[in-house]
Amino acid sequence: VQLQAFGGGLVQAGGSLRLSCAASGRTISSYRMGWFRQAPGKLREFVSAISWSGGNTYYANSVKGRFTISRDVAKNTVYLQMNSLKPEDTAVYYCTVGERLYQPDYWGKGTLVTVSS
């Protein structure tokens, strides 16, 4: 599976960004597609995921209520709408695909999100 992420950038605290990630290369109907992030000096952490077939969604507590994940099955694309961004959301965000929620099988290259205070 190849993953191409878009949408990172610089935004002020309280602002919004939308990340998107297109998957190609194989059928992902039995997988979950989602996002992890890694802030400077910190371990990589789970952010959100969505099951491709049923659309069930999963969120880290730190982003619940602020981030919304969605998918476009026809386009094999997942979106992460990020609202009320905080400086602590600053990180490289990685698109992922996998069967297990916290151990994805495939990783994209990452897109940088910087939230200024």
C-alpha atoms as a PDB file:
ATOM      1  CA  VAL A   1       0.000   0.000   0.000  1.00  0.00           C
ATOM      2  CA  GLN A   2       1.302   3.436  -0.926  1.00  0.00           C
ATOM      3  CA  LEU A   3       0.120   6.410   1.107  1.00  0.00           C
ATOM      4  CA  GLN A   4       0.301  10.048   0.056  1.00  0.00           C
ATOM      5  CA  ALA A   5      -0.571  12.672   2.655  1.00  0.00           C
ATOM      6  CA  PHE A   6      -1.415  16.319   2.071  1.00  0.00           C
ATOM      7  CA  GLY A   7      -2.502  19.325   4.067  1.00  0.00           C
ATOM      8  CA  GLY A   8       0.135  20.091   6.657  1.00  0.00           C
ATOM      9  CA  GLY A   9       1.249  23.632   7.320  1.00  0.00           C
ATOM     10  CA  LEU A  10       1.514  26.499   9.760  1.00  0.00           C
ATOM     11  CA  VAL A  11      -1.530  27.712  11.638  1.00  0.00           C
ATOM     12  CA  GLN A  12      -2.182  29.867  14.688  1.00  0.00           C
ATOM     13  CA  ALA A  13      -3.543  28.384  17.878  1.00  0.00           C
ATOM     14  CA  GLY A  14      -7.299  28.046  17.651  1.00  0.00           C
ATOM     15  CA  GLY A  15      -7.175  27.601  13.909  1.00  0.00           C
ATOM     16  CA  SER A  16      -8.015  24.635  11.693  1.00  0.00           C
ATOM     17  CA  LEU A  17      -6.326  22.413   9.159  1.00  0.00           C
ATOM     18  CA  ARG A  18      -7.491  19.429   7.152  1.00  0.00           C
ATOM     19  CA  LEU A  19      -5.158  16.577   6.337  1.00  0.00           C
ATOM     20  CA  SER A  20      -5.910  14.110   3.585  1.00  0.00           C
ATOM     21  CA  CYS A  21      -4.282  10.844   2.625  1.00  0.00           C
ATOM     22  CA  ALA A  22      -4.839   8.768  -0.488  1.00  0.00           C
ATOM     23  CA  ALA A  23      -4.107   5.045  -0.503  1.00  0.00           C
ATOM     24  CA  SER A  24      -3.162   3.031  -3.556  1.00  0.00           C
ATOM     25  CA  GLY A  25      -1.696  -0.315  -4.408  1.00  0.00           C
ATOM     26  CA  ARG A  26      -4.149  -2.793  -2.919  1.00  0.00           C
ATOM     27  CA  THR A  27      -7.626  -3.202  -1.519  1.00  0.00           C
ATOM     28  CA  ILE A  28      -7.951  -1.789   1.974  1.00  0.00           C
ATOM     29  CA  SER A  29     -11.551  -2.762   2.697  1.00  0.00           C
ATOM     30  CA  SER A  30     -10.564  -4.987   5.636  1.00  0.00           C
ATOM     31  CA  TYR A  31      -8.229  -2.432   7.153  1.00  0.00           C
ATOM     32  CA  ARG A  32      -8.354   0.638   9.314  1.00  0.00           C
ATOM     33  CA  MET A  33      -6.909   3.856   7.956  1.00  0.00           C
ATOM     34  CA  GLY A  34      -5.743   6.589  10.271  1.00  0.00           C
ATOM     35  CA  TRP A  35      -3.157   8.927  11.670  1.00  0.00           C
ATOM     36  CA  PHE A  36      -0.291   8.900  14.109  1.00  0.00           C
ATOM     37  CA  ARG A  37       1.886  11.859  15.035  1.00  0.00           C
ATOM     38  CA  GLN A  38       5.323  12.509  16.438  1.00  0.00           C
ATOM     39  CA  ALA A  39       6.199  15.750  18.169  1.00  0.00           C
ATOM     40  CA  PRO A  40       9.811  16.907  18.534  1.00  0.00           C
ATOM     41  CA  GLY A  41      11.554  14.892  21.222  1.00  0.00           C
ATOM     42  CA  LYS A  42       8.542  12.665  21.837  1.00  0.00           C
ATOM     43  CA  LEU A  43       7.453   9.181  20.909  1.00  0.00           C
ATOM     44  CA  ARG A  44       5.108   8.580  18.045  1.00  0.00           C
ATOM     45  CA  GLU A  45       1.491   8.415  19.225  1.00  0.00           C
ATOM     46  CA  PHE A  46      -1.883   7.341  17.913  1.00  0.00           C
ATOM     47  CA  VAL A  47      -4.231  10.147  16.874  1.00  0.00           C
ATOM     48  CA  SER A  48      -7.249   8.689  15.114  1.00  0.00           C
ATOM     49  CA  ALA A  49      -8.444   5.892  12.853  1.00  0.00           C
ATOM     50  CA  ILE A  50     -11.483   4.781  10.891  1.00  0.00           C
ATOM     51  CA  SER A  51     -12.499   1.306   9.841  1.00  0.00           C
ATOM     52  CA  TRP A  52     -12.786   1.221   6.090  1.00  0.00           C
ATOM     53  CA  SER A  53     -15.782  -1.079   5.821  1.00  0.00           C
ATOM     54  CA  GLY A  54     -18.017   0.087   8.659  1.00  0.00           C
ATOM     55  CA  GLY A  55     -16.760   3.591   9.283  1.00  0.00           C
ATOM     56  CA  ASN A  56     -16.210   3.114  13.010  1.00  0.00           C
ATOM     57  CA  THR A  57     -14.018   5.900  14.360  1.00  0.00           C
ATOM     58  CA  TYR A  58     -11.373   5.990  17.068  1.00  0.00           C
ATOM     59  CA  TYR A  59      -9.688   8.959  18.724  1.00  0.00           C
ATOM     60  CA  ALA A  60      -6.949   9.660  21.227  1.00  0.00           C
ATOM     61  CA  ASN A  61      -8.299  11.433  24.293  1.00  0.00           C
ATOM     62  CA  SER A  62      -6.083  14.418  23.543  1.00  0.00           C
ATOM     63  CA  VAL A  63      -7.903  15.156  20.263  1.00  0.00           C
ATOM     64  CA  LYS A  64     -11.422  13.941  21.001  1.00  0.00           C
ATOM     65  CA  GLY A  65     -13.957  16.676  20.323  1.00  0.00           C
ATOM     66  CA  ARG A  66     -11.500  18.702  18.249  1.00  0.00           C
ATOM     67  CA  PHE A  67     -10.488  16.334  15.438  1.00  0.00           C
ATOM     68  CA  THR A  68     -12.819  14.488  13.084  1.00  0.00           C
ATOM     69  CA  ILE A  69     -11.786  11.619  10.841  1.00  0.00           C
ATOM     70  CA  SER A  70     -13.738  10.655   7.751  1.00  0.00           C
ATOM     71  CA  ARG A  71     -13.257   8.678   4.576  1.00  0.00           C
ATOM     72  CA  ASP A  72     -14.198   8.725   0.912  1.00  0.00           C
ATOM     73  CA  VAL A  73     -14.391   5.101  -0.129  1.00  0.00           C
ATOM     74  CA  ALA A  74     -14.588   5.891  -3.840  1.00  0.00           C
ATOM     75  CA  LYS A  75     -11.386   7.915  -3.665  1.00  0.00           C
ATOM     76  CA  ASN A  76      -9.582   5.611  -1.194  1.00  0.00           C
ATOM     77  CA  THR A  77      -8.904   8.727   0.834  1.00  0.00           C
ATOM     78  CA  VAL A  78      -9.063   9.510   4.530  1.00  0.00           C
ATOM     79  CA  TYR A  79      -9.401  13.004   5.966  1.00  0.00           C
ATOM     80  CA  LEU A  80      -8.532  14.461   9.350  1.00  0.00           C
ATOM     81  CA  GLN A  81     -10.284  17.720  10.120  1.00  0.00           C
ATOM     82  CA  MET A  82      -8.392  19.408  12.946  1.00  0.00           C
ATOM     83  CA  ASN A  83     -10.124  22.259  14.751  1.00  0.00           C
ATOM     84  CA  SER A  84      -9.212  24.315  17.809  1.00  0.00           C
ATOM     85  CA  LEU A  85      -5.579  23.499  17.252  1.00  0.00           C
ATOM     86  CA  LYS A  86      -3.147  23.898  20.119  1.00  0.00           C
ATOM     87  CA  PRO A  87       0.631  24.360  20.127  1.00  0.00           C
ATOM     88  CA  GLU A  88       0.920  20.845  21.559  1.00  0.00           C
ATOM     89  CA  ASP A  89      -0.624  19.499  18.351  1.00  0.00           C
ATOM     90  CA  THR A  90       2.580  20.486  16.566  1.00  0.00           C
ATOM     91  CA  ALA A  91       4.021  17.304  15.088  1.00  0.00           C
ATOM     92  CA  VAL A  92       4.709  15.329  11.971  1.00  0.00           C
ATOM     93  CA  TYR A  93       1.496  13.524  11.130  1.00  0.00           C
ATOM     94  CA  TYR A  94       1.703  10.102   9.520  1.00  0.00           C
ATOM     95  CA  CYS A  95      -1.024   8.419   7.542  1.00  0.00           C
ATOM     96  CA  THR A  96      -1.366   4.710   8.305  1.00  0.00           C
ATOM     97  CA  VAL A  97      -3.170   1.591   7.144  1.00  0.00           C
ATOM     98  CA  GLY A  98      -3.457  -1.641   9.058  1.00  0.00           C
ATOM     99  CA  GLU A  99      -5.587  -4.317  10.643  1.00  0.00           C
ATOM    100  CA  ARG A 100      -4.593  -3.487  14.207  1.00  0.00           C
ATOM    101  CA  LEU A 101      -5.542  -0.123  15.646  1.00  0.00           C
ATOM    102  CA  TYR A 102      -2.253   0.740  17.331  1.00  0.00           C
ATOM    103  CA  GLN A 103       0.127  -1.231  15.125  1.00  0.00           C
ATOM    104  CA  PRO A 104      -0.486  -0.285  11.507  1.00  0.00           C
ATOM    105  CA  ASP A 105       1.105  -2.237   8.702  1.00  0.00           C
ATOM    106  CA  TYR A 106       1.786   0.645   6.351  1.00  0.00           C
ATOM    107  CA  TRP A 107       3.023   4.192   6.943  1.00  0.00           C
ATOM    108  CA  GLY A 108       3.101   7.271   4.770  1.00  0.00           C
ATOM    109  CA  LYS A 109       5.968   9.748   4.775  1.00  0.00           C
ATOM    110  CA  GLY A 110       4.415  12.291   7.084  1.00  0.00           C
ATOM    111  CA  THR A 111       3.302  15.868   6.838  1.00  0.00           C
ATOM    112  CA  LEU A 112       4.335  18.619   9.255  1.00  0.00           C
ATOM    113  CA  VAL A 113       1.732  20.529  11.241  1.00  0.00           C
ATOM    114  CA  THR A 114       2.978  23.553  13.169  1.00  0.00           C
ATOM    115  CA  VAL A 115       0.685  25.415  15.541  1.00  0.00           C
ATOM    116  CA  SER A 116       1.986  28.758  16.728  1.00  0.00           C
ATOM    117  CA  SER A 117       0.906  30.314  20.032  1.00  0.00           C
END
